[in-house]
Amino acid sequence: MDVALDDRRKRLLYRSSYTGTKETDLLLGTFARRHLATLNDAQLDAYEALLEIPDPRLYKWATGQEAAPEEYESDVLDMLKDFKVAR
């Protein structure tokens, strides 16, 4: 296992679980625990970019309350939206 990649996934899991709002913590933390291990480098980059978005905005994108700007649309955001629906 690539140690740097493993550390990156651990860091992303932590960031996903402690975003600042309980709803986003639950959504992203659960998503990260289920999916981070299977994401490739490009998908991890896209996920990391999403974590830079303020959590109320990201939560609205993930739950379909608001459309995400085109530059943030990705297969990872689609996975997050599908995950929210499936929960």
PDB file of N, CA and C in Angstrom:
ATOM      1  N   MET A   1       0.852  -1.191   0.000  1.00  0.00           N
ATOM      2  CA  MET A   1       0.000   0.000   0.000  1.00  0.00           C
ATOM      3  C   MET A   1       0.887   1.241   0.000  1.00  0.00           C
ATOM      4  N   ASP A   2       0.527   2.205  -0.765  1.00  0.00           N
ATOM      5  CA  ASP A   2       1.236   3.470  -0.844  1.00  0.00           C
ATOM      6  C   ASP A   2       0.948   4.275   0.431  1.00  0.00           C
ATOM      7  N   VAL A   3       1.985   4.523   1.220  1.00  0.00           N
ATOM      8  CA  VAL A   3       1.821   5.204   2.514  1.00  0.00           C
ATOM      9  C   VAL A   3       1.268   6.619   2.327  1.00  0.00           C
ATOM     10  N   ALA A   4       1.762   7.340   1.325  1.00  0.00           N
ATOM     11  CA  ALA A   4       1.282   8.706   1.093  1.00  0.00           C
ATOM     12  C   ALA A   4      -0.205   8.707   0.735  1.00  0.00           C
ATOM     13  N   LEU A   5      -0.621   7.746  -0.075  1.00  0.00           N
ATOM     14  CA  LEU A   5      -2.026   7.650  -0.460  1.00  0.00           C
ATOM     15  C   LEU A   5      -2.887   7.279   0.745  1.00  0.00           C
ATOM     16  N   ASP A   6      -2.405   6.368   1.566  1.00  0.00           N
ATOM     17  CA  ASP A   6      -3.119   5.973   2.779  1.00  0.00           C
ATOM     18  C   ASP A   6      -3.260   7.163   3.730  1.00  0.00           C
ATOM     19  N   ASP A   7      -2.193   7.933   3.895  1.00  0.00           N
ATOM     20  CA  ASP A   7      -2.243   9.130   4.747  1.00  0.00           C
ATOM     21  C   ASP A   7      -3.231  10.150   4.192  1.00  0.00           C
ATOM     22  N   ARG A   8      -3.249  10.297   2.872  1.00  0.00           N
ATOM     23  CA  ARG A   8      -4.176  11.240   2.247  1.00  0.00           C
ATOM     24  C   ARG A   8      -5.620  10.822   2.527  1.00  0.00           C
ATOM     25  N   ARG A   9      -5.897   9.550   2.382  1.00  0.00           N
ATOM     26  CA  ARG A   9      -7.255   9.062   2.637  1.00  0.00           C
ATOM     27  C   ARG A   9      -7.641   9.267   4.102  1.00  0.00           C
ATOM     28  N   LYS A  10      -6.715   9.037   5.015  1.00  0.00           N
ATOM     29  CA  LYS A  10      -6.992   9.262   6.443  1.00  0.00           C
ATOM     30  C   LYS A  10      -7.289  10.738   6.706  1.00  0.00           C
ATOM     31  N   ARG A  11      -6.512  11.612   6.089  1.00  0.00           N
ATOM     32  CA  ARG A  11      -6.723  13.051   6.257  1.00  0.00           C
ATOM     33  C   ARG A  11      -8.094  13.462   5.707  1.00  0.00           C
ATOM     34  N   LEU A  12      -8.456  12.919   4.544  1.00  0.00           N
ATOM     35  CA  LEU A  12      -9.755  13.236   3.952  1.00  0.00           C
ATOM     36  C   LEU A  12     -10.905  12.680   4.794  1.00  0.00           C
ATOM     37  N   LEU A  13     -10.711  11.509   5.376  1.00  0.00           N
ATOM     38  CA  LEU A  13     -11.737  10.943   6.255  1.00  0.00           C
ATOM     39  C   LEU A  13     -11.945  11.846   7.469  1.00  0.00           C
ATOM     40  N   TYR A  14     -10.857  12.305   8.057  1.00  0.00           N
ATOM     41  CA  TYR A  14     -10.959  13.207   9.205  1.00  0.00           C
ATOM     42  C   TYR A  14     -11.688  14.494   8.811  1.00  0.00           C
ATOM     43  N   ARG A  15     -11.272  15.091   7.702  1.00  0.00           N
ATOM     44  CA  ARG A  15     -11.904  16.343   7.256  1.00  0.00           C
ATOM     45  C   ARG A  15     -13.382  16.136   6.952  1.00  0.00           C
ATOM     46  N   SER A  16     -13.723  14.967   6.433  1.00  0.00           N
ATOM     47  CA  SER A  16     -15.116  14.659   6.104  1.00  0.00           C
ATOM     48  C   SER A  16     -15.974  14.532   7.353  1.00  0.00           C
ATOM     49  N   SER A  17     -15.387  14.055   8.420  1.00  0.00           N
ATOM     50  CA  SER A  17     -16.134  13.791   9.651  1.00  0.00           C
ATOM     51  C   SER A  17     -16.232  14.999  10.572  1.00  0.00           C
ATOM     52  N   TYR A  18     -15.411  16.005  10.337  1.00  0.00           N
ATOM     53  CA  TYR A  18     -15.384  17.197  11.196  1.00  0.00           C
ATOM     54  C   TYR A  18     -15.423  18.458  10.344  1.00  0.00           C
ATOM     55  N   THR A  19     -16.556  18.675   9.673  1.00  0.00           N
ATOM     56  CA  THR A  19     -16.680  19.814   8.765  1.00  0.00           C
ATOM     57  C   THR A  19     -17.147  21.080   9.465  1.00  0.00           C
ATOM     58  N   GLY A  20     -17.914  20.925  10.517  1.00  0.00           N
ATOM     59  CA  GLY A  20     -18.416  22.098  11.217  1.00  0.00           C
ATOM     60  C   GLY A  20     -19.912  22.054  11.447  1.00  0.00           C
ATOM     61  N   THR A  21     -20.642  21.342  10.598  1.00  0.00           N
ATOM     62  CA  THR A  21     -22.078  21.182  10.828  1.00  0.00           C
ATOM     63  C   THR A  21     -22.399  19.697  10.931  1.00  0.00           C
ATOM     64  N   LYS A  22     -23.284  19.355  11.838  1.00  0.00           N
ATOM     65  CA  LYS A  22     -23.601  17.954  12.121  1.00  0.00           C
ATOM     66  C   LYS A  22     -24.124  17.222  10.884  1.00  0.00           C
ATOM     67  N   GLU A  23     -25.026  17.866  10.137  1.00  0.00           N
ATOM     68  CA  GLU A  23     -25.602  17.219   8.961  1.00  0.00           C
ATOM     69  C   GLU A  23     -24.528  16.878   7.939  1.00  0.00           C
ATOM     70  N   THR A  24     -23.632  17.820   7.696  1.00  0.00           N
ATOM     71  CA  THR A  24     -22.567  17.591   6.720  1.00  0.00           C
ATOM     72  C   THR A  24     -21.566  16.573   7.251  1.00  0.00           C
ATOM     73  N   ASP A  25     -21.264  16.632   8.550  1.00  0.00           N
ATOM     74  CA  ASP A  25     -20.383  15.624   9.161  1.00  0.00           C
ATOM     75  C   ASP A  25     -20.924  14.217   8.921  1.00  0.00           C
ATOM     76  N   LEU A  26     -22.211  14.031   9.175  1.00  0.00           N
ATOM     77  CA  LEU A  26     -22.822  12.709   9.010  1.00  0.00           C
ATOM     78  C   LEU A  26     -22.798  12.258   7.556  1.00  0.00           C
ATOM     79  N   LEU A  27     -23.183  13.146   6.666  1.00  0.00           N
ATOM     80  CA  LEU A  27     -23.220  12.798   5.244  1.00  0.00           C
ATOM     81  C   LEU A  27     -21.830  12.483   4.708  1.00  0.00           C
ATOM     82  N   LEU A  28     -20.899  13.421   4.867  1.00  0.00           N
ATOM     83  CA  LEU A  28     -19.561  13.244   4.296  1.00  0.00           C
ATOM     84  C   LEU A  28     -18.758  12.179   5.027  1.00  0.00           C
ATOM     85  N   GLY A  29     -18.897  12.114   6.346  1.00  0.00           N
ATOM     86  CA  GLY A  29     -18.163  11.098   7.101  1.00  0.00           C
ATOM     87  C   GLY A  29     -18.564   9.689   6.696  1.00  0.00           C
ATOM     88  N   THR A  30     -19.864   9.461   6.562  1.00  0.00           N
ATOM     89  CA  THR A  30     -20.348   8.142   6.146  1.00  0.00           C
ATOM     90  C   THR A  30     -19.942   7.849   4.708  1.00  0.00           C
ATOM     91  N   PHE A  31     -20.085   8.838   3.837  1.00  0.00           N
ATOM     92  CA  PHE A  31     -19.667   8.674   2.437  1.00  0.00           C
ATOM     93  C   PHE A  31     -18.180   8.325   2.369  1.00  0.00           C
ATOM     94  N   ALA A  32     -17.367   9.051   3.107  1.00  0.00           N
ATOM     95  CA  ALA A  32     -15.916   8.823   3.077  1.00  0.00           C
ATOM     96  C   ALA A  32     -15.563   7.426   3.577  1.00  0.00           C
ATOM     97  N   ARG A  33     -16.181   6.994   4.658  1.00  0.00           N
ATOM     98  CA  ARG A  33     -15.897   5.645   5.177  1.00  0.00           C
ATOM     99  C   ARG A  33     -16.250   4.566   4.160  1.00  0.00           C
ATOM    100  N   ARG A  34     -17.281   4.792   3.389  1.00  0.00           N
ATOM    101  CA  ARG A  34     -17.709   3.778   2.410  1.00  0.00           C
ATOM    102  C   ARG A  34     -16.958   3.858   1.088  1.00  0.00           C
ATOM    103  N   HIS A  35     -16.494   5.044   0.692  1.00  0.00           N
ATOM    104  CA  HIS A  35     -15.989   5.196  -0.676  1.00  0.00           C
ATOM    105  C   HIS A  35     -14.528   5.610  -0.834  1.00  0.00           C
ATOM    106  N   LEU A  36     -13.908   6.205   0.164  1.00  0.00           N
ATOM    107  CA  LEU A  36     -12.542   6.713  -0.025  1.00  0.00           C
ATOM    108  C   LEU A  36     -11.565   5.641  -0.487  1.00  0.00           C
ATOM    109  N   ALA A  37     -11.692   4.446   0.015  1.00  0.00           N
ATOM    110  CA  ALA A  37     -10.748   3.374  -0.332  1.00  0.00           C
ATOM    111  C   ALA A  37     -10.797   3.007  -1.809  1.00  0.00           C
ATOM    112  N   THR A  38     -11.909   3.305  -2.473  1.00  0.00           N
ATOM    113  CA  THR A  38     -12.049   2.917  -3.878  1.00  0.00           C
ATOM    114  C   THR A  38     -11.820   4.065  -4.856  1.00  0.00           C
ATOM    115  N   LEU A  39     -11.666   5.284  -4.352  1.00  0.00           N
ATOM    116  CA  LEU A  39     -11.470   6.430  -5.248  1.00  0.00           C
ATOM    117  C   LEU A  39     -10.042   6.457  -5.783  1.00  0.00           C
ATOM    118  N   ASN A  40      -9.913   6.771  -7.080  1.00  0.00           N
ATOM    119  CA  ASN A  40      -8.579   6.909  -7.670  1.00  0.00           C
ATOM    120  C   ASN A  40      -8.041   8.318  -7.394  1.00  0.00           C
ATOM    121  N   ASP A  41      -6.829   8.592  -7.848  1.00  0.00           N
ATOM    122  CA  ASP A  41      -6.193   9.889  -7.565  1.00  0.00           C
ATOM    123  C   ASP A  41      -7.014  11.072  -8.075  1.00  0.00           C
ATOM    124  N   ALA A  42      -7.527  10.979  -9.299  1.00  0.00           N
ATOM    125  CA  ALA A  42      -8.316  12.078  -9.861  1.00  0.00           C
ATOM    126  C   ALA A  42      -9.594  12.287  -9.050  1.00  0.00           C
ATOM    127  N   GLN A  43     -10.214  11.206  -8.630  1.00  0.00           N
ATOM    128  CA  GLN A  43     -11.423  11.311  -7.818  1.00  0.00           C
ATOM    129  C   GLN A  43     -11.113  11.874  -6.434  1.00  0.00           C
ATOM    130  N   LEU A  44      -9.977  11.489  -5.876  1.00  0.00           N
ATOM    131  CA  LEU A  44      -9.571  12.061  -4.587  1.00  0.00           C
ATOM    132  C   LEU A  44      -9.333  13.559  -4.722  1.00  0.00           C
ATOM    133  N   ASP A  45      -8.744  13.983  -5.849  1.00  0.00           N
ATOM    134  CA  ASP A  45      -8.552  15.419  -6.099  1.00  0.00           C
ATOM    135  C   ASP A  45      -9.899  16.140  -6.134  1.00  0.00           C
ATOM    136  N   ALA A  46     -10.866  15.553  -6.845  1.00  0.00           N
ATOM    137  CA  ALA A  46     -12.195  16.157  -6.949  1.00  0.00           C
ATOM    138  C   ALA A  46     -12.874  16.213  -5.581  1.00  0.00           C
ATOM    139  N   TYR A  47     -12.740  15.146  -4.804  1.00  0.00           N
ATOM    140  CA  TYR A  47     -13.344  15.113  -3.468  1.00  0.00           C
ATOM    141  C   TYR A  47     -12.691  16.155  -2.558  1.00  0.00           C
ATOM    142  N   GLU A  48     -11.373  16.247  -2.643  1.00  0.00           N
ATOM    143  CA  GLU A  48     -10.655  17.234  -1.831  1.00  0.00           C
ATOM    144  C   GLU A  48     -11.091  18.653  -2.192  1.00  0.00           C
ATOM    145  N   ALA A  49     -11.315  18.913  -3.481  1.00  0.00           N
ATOM    146  CA  ALA A  49     -11.797  20.231  -3.910  1.00  0.00           C
ATOM    147  C   ALA A  49     -13.184  20.510  -3.326  1.00  0.00           C
ATOM    148  N   LEU A  50     -14.030  19.495  -3.268  1.00  0.00           N
ATOM    149  CA  LEU A  50     -15.361  19.671  -2.680  1.00  0.00           C
ATOM    150  C   LEU A  50     -15.272  20.018  -1.198  1.00  0.00           C
ATOM    151  N   LEU A  51     -14.298  19.448  -0.508  1.00  0.00           N
ATOM    152  CA  LEU A  51     -14.155  19.722   0.926  1.00  0.00           C
ATOM    153  C   LEU A  51     -13.713  21.158   1.206  1.00  0.00           C
ATOM    154  N   GLU A  52     -13.236  21.854   0.191  1.00  0.00           N
ATOM    155  CA  GLU A  52     -12.858  23.263   0.351  1.00  0.00           C
ATOM    156  C   GLU A  52     -14.072  24.191   0.314  1.00  0.00           C
ATOM    157  N   ILE A  53     -15.202  23.668  -0.130  1.00  0.00           N
ATOM    158  CA  ILE A  53     -16.430  24.454  -0.229  1.00  0.00           C
ATOM    159  C   ILE A  53     -17.035  24.588   1.172  1.00  0.00           C
ATOM    160  N   PRO A  54     -17.556  25.768   1.520  1.00  0.00           N
ATOM    161  CA  PRO A  54     -18.225  25.901   2.825  1.00  0.00           C
ATOM    162  C   PRO A  54     -19.324  24.838   2.970  1.00  0.00           C
ATOM    163  N   ASP A  55     -19.407  24.209   4.157  1.00  0.00           N
ATOM    164  CA  ASP A  55     -20.297  23.061   4.286  1.00  0.00           C
ATOM    165  C   ASP A  55     -21.773  23.328   4.025  1.00  0.00           C
ATOM    166  N   PRO A  56     -22.333  24.467   4.367  1.00  0.00           N
ATOM    167  CA  PRO A  56     -23.750  24.649   4.015  1.00  0.00           C
ATOM    168  C   PRO A  56     -23.975  24.592   2.498  1.00  0.00           C
ATOM    169  N   ARG A  57     -23.054  25.155   1.756  1.00  0.00           N
ATOM    170  CA  ARG A  57     -23.169  25.140   0.293  1.00  0.00           C
ATOM    171  C   ARG A  57     -23.001  23.721  -0.245  1.00  0.00           C
ATOM    172  N   LEU A  58     -21.978  23.016   0.225  1.00  0.00           N
ATOM    173  CA  LEU A  58     -21.728  21.646  -0.228  1.00  0.00           C
ATOM    174  C   LEU A  58     -22.909  20.742   0.124  1.00  0.00           C
ATOM    175  N   TYR A  59     -23.471  20.914   1.296  1.00  0.00           N
ATOM    176  CA  TYR A  59     -24.632  20.111   1.695  1.00  0.00           C
ATOM    177  C   TYR A  59     -25.798  20.345   0.734  1.00  0.00           C
ATOM    178  N   LYS A  60     -26.011  21.589   0.346  1.00  0.00           N
ATOM    179  CA  LYS A  60     -27.088  21.902  -0.604  1.00  0.00           C
ATOM    180  C   LYS A  60     -26.828  21.252  -1.959  1.00  0.00           C
ATOM    181  N   TRP A  61     -25.570  21.258  -2.401  1.00  0.00           N
ATOM    182  CA  TRP A  61     -25.237  20.597  -3.669  1.00  0.00           C
ATOM    183  C   TRP A  61     -25.498  19.102  -3.571  1.00  0.00           C
ATOM    184  N   ALA A  62     -25.057  18.495  -2.481  1.00  0.00           N
ATOM    185  CA  ALA A  62     -25.162  17.040  -2.315  1.00  0.00           C
ATOM    186  C   ALA A  62     -26.613  16.578  -2.181  1.00  0.00           C
ATOM    187  N   THR A  63     -27.447  17.426  -1.619  1.00  0.00           N
ATOM    188  CA  THR A  63     -28.844  17.044  -1.407  1.00  0.00           C
ATOM    189  C   THR A  63     -29.761  17.535  -2.518  1.00  0.00           C
ATOM    190  N   GLY A  64     -29.197  18.198  -3.517  1.00  0.00           N
ATOM    191  CA  GLY A  64     -29.990  18.649  -4.650  1.00  0.00           C
ATOM    192  C   GLY A  64     -30.796  19.905  -4.391  1.00  0.00           C
ATOM    193  N   GLN A  65     -30.530  20.588  -3.292  1.00  0.00           N
ATOM    194  CA  GLN A  65     -31.243  21.828  -2.983  1.00  0.00           C
ATOM    195  C   GLN A  65     -30.741  22.985  -3.832  1.00  0.00           C
ATOM    196  N   GLU A  66     -29.546  22.830  -4.351  1.00  0.00           N
ATOM    197  CA  GLU A  66     -28.904  23.883  -5.137  1.00  0.00           C
ATOM    198  C   GLU A  66     -27.999  23.208  -6.169  1.00  0.00           C
ATOM    199  N   ALA A  67     -27.934  23.779  -7.362  1.00  0.00           N
ATOM    200  CA  ALA A  67     -27.055  23.228  -8.403  1.00  0.00           C
ATOM    201  C   ALA A  67     -25.618  23.669  -8.146  1.00  0.00           C
ATOM    202  N   ALA A  68     -24.700  22.754  -8.353  1.00  0.00           N
ATOM    203  CA  ALA A  68     -23.275  23.071  -8.195  1.00  0.00           C
ATOM    204  C   ALA A  68     -22.775  23.769  -9.453  1.00  0.00           C
ATOM    205  N   PRO A  69     -21.834  24.703  -9.307  1.00  0.00           N
ATOM    206  CA  PRO A  69     -21.223  25.299 -10.488  1.00  0.00           C
ATOM    207  C   PRO A  69     -20.550  24.209 -11.332  1.00  0.00           C
ATOM    208  N   GLU A  70     -20.501  24.436 -12.611  1.00  0.00           N
ATOM    209  CA  GLU A  70     -19.978  23.439 -13.549  1.00  0.00           C
ATOM    210  C   GLU A  70     -18.586  22.941 -13.175  1.00  0.00           C
ATOM    211  N   GLU A  71     -17.729  23.824 -12.667  1.00  0.00           N
ATOM    212  CA  GLU A  71     -16.355  23.411 -12.348  1.00  0.00           C
ATOM    213  C   GLU A  71     -16.287  22.398 -11.201  1.00  0.00           C
ATOM    214  N   TYR A  72     -17.361  22.263 -10.435  1.00  0.00           N
ATOM    215  CA  TYR A  72     -17.389  21.291  -9.338  1.00  0.00           C
ATOM    216  C   TYR A  72     -18.160  20.023  -9.687  1.00  0.00           C
ATOM    217  N   GLU A  73     -18.841  20.024 -10.822  1.00  0.00           N
ATOM    218  CA  GLU A  73     -19.551  18.818 -11.247  1.00  0.00           C
ATOM    219  C   GLU A  73     -18.524  17.749 -11.585  1.00  0.00           C
ATOM    220  N   SER A  74     -18.690  16.578 -11.010  1.00  0.00           N
ATOM    221  CA  SER A  74     -17.755  15.473 -11.236  1.00  0.00           C
ATOM    222  C   SER A  74     -18.452  14.166 -10.897  1.00  0.00           C
ATOM    223  N   ASP A  75     -17.796  13.069 -11.244  1.00  0.00           N
ATOM    224  CA  ASP A  75     -18.375  11.776 -10.879  1.00  0.00           C
ATOM    225  C   ASP A  75     -18.428  11.614  -9.361  1.00  0.00           C
ATOM    226  N   VAL A  76     -17.512  12.257  -8.651  1.00  0.00           N
ATOM    227  CA  VAL A  76     -17.520  12.167  -7.187  1.00  0.00           C
ATOM    228  C   VAL A  76     -18.735  12.902  -6.610  1.00  0.00           C
ATOM    229  N   LEU A  77     -19.048  14.069  -7.134  1.00  0.00           N
ATOM    230  CA  LEU A  77     -20.245  14.780  -6.666  1.00  0.00           C
ATOM    231  C   LEU A  77     -21.491  13.971  -7.020  1.00  0.00           C
ATOM    232  N   ASP A  78     -21.498  13.346  -8.194  1.00  0.00           N
ATOM    233  CA  ASP A  78     -22.621  12.474  -8.557  1.00  0.00           C
ATOM    234  C   ASP A  78     -22.740  11.309  -7.580  1.00  0.00           C
ATOM    235  N   MET A  79     -21.605  10.723  -7.204  1.00  0.00           N
ATOM    236  CA  MET A  79     -21.617   9.630  -6.223  1.00  0.00           C
ATOM    237  C   MET A  79     -22.186  10.113  -4.892  1.00  0.00           C
ATOM    238  N   LEU A  80     -21.795  11.313  -4.496  1.00  0.00           N
ATOM    239  CA  LEU A  80     -22.272  11.884  -3.238  1.00  0.00           C
ATOM    240  C   LEU A  80     -23.782  12.131  -3.294  1.00  0.00           C
ATOM    241  N   LYS A  81     -24.256  12.649  -4.418  1.00  0.00           N
ATOM    242  CA  LYS A  81     -25.702  12.867  -4.584  1.00  0.00           C
ATOM    243  C   LYS A  81     -26.455  11.540  -4.542  1.00  0.00           C
ATOM    244  N   ASP A  82     -25.944  10.537  -5.244  1.00  0.00           N
ATOM    245  CA  ASP A  82     -26.582   9.215  -5.247  1.00  0.00           C
ATOM    246  C   ASP A  82     -26.547   8.595  -3.854  1.00  0.00           C
ATOM    247  N   PHE A  83     -25.454   8.805  -3.157  1.00  0.00           N
ATOM    248  CA  PHE A  83     -25.304   8.279  -1.801  1.00  0.00           C
ATOM    249  C   PHE A  83     -26.351   8.893  -0.886  1.00  0.00           C
ATOM    250  N   LYS A  84     -26.560  10.183  -1.009  1.00  0.00           N
ATOM    251  CA  LYS A  84     -27.548  10.885  -0.184  1.00  0.00           C
ATOM    252  C   LYS A  84     -28.934  10.318  -0.442  1.00  0.00           C
ATOM    253  N   VAL A  85     -29.260  10.060  -1.699  1.00  0.00           N
ATOM    254  CA  VAL A  85     -30.572   9.532  -2.056  1.00  0.00           C
ATOM    255  C   VAL A  85     -30.739   8.110  -1.528  1.00  0.00           C
ATOM    256  N   ALA A  86     -29.675   7.315  -1.613  1.00  0.00           N
ATOM    257  CA  ALA A  86     -29.742   5.910  -1.208  1.00  0.00           C
ATOM    258  C   ALA A  86     -29.794   5.718   0.303  1.00  0.00           C
ATOM    259  N   ARG A  87     -29.327   6.688   1.051  1.00  0.00           N
ATOM    260  CA  ARG A  87     -29.286   6.550   2.511  1.00  0.00           C
ATOM    261  C   ARG A  87     -30.637   6.452   3.034  1.00  0.00           C
TER     262      ARG A  87
END
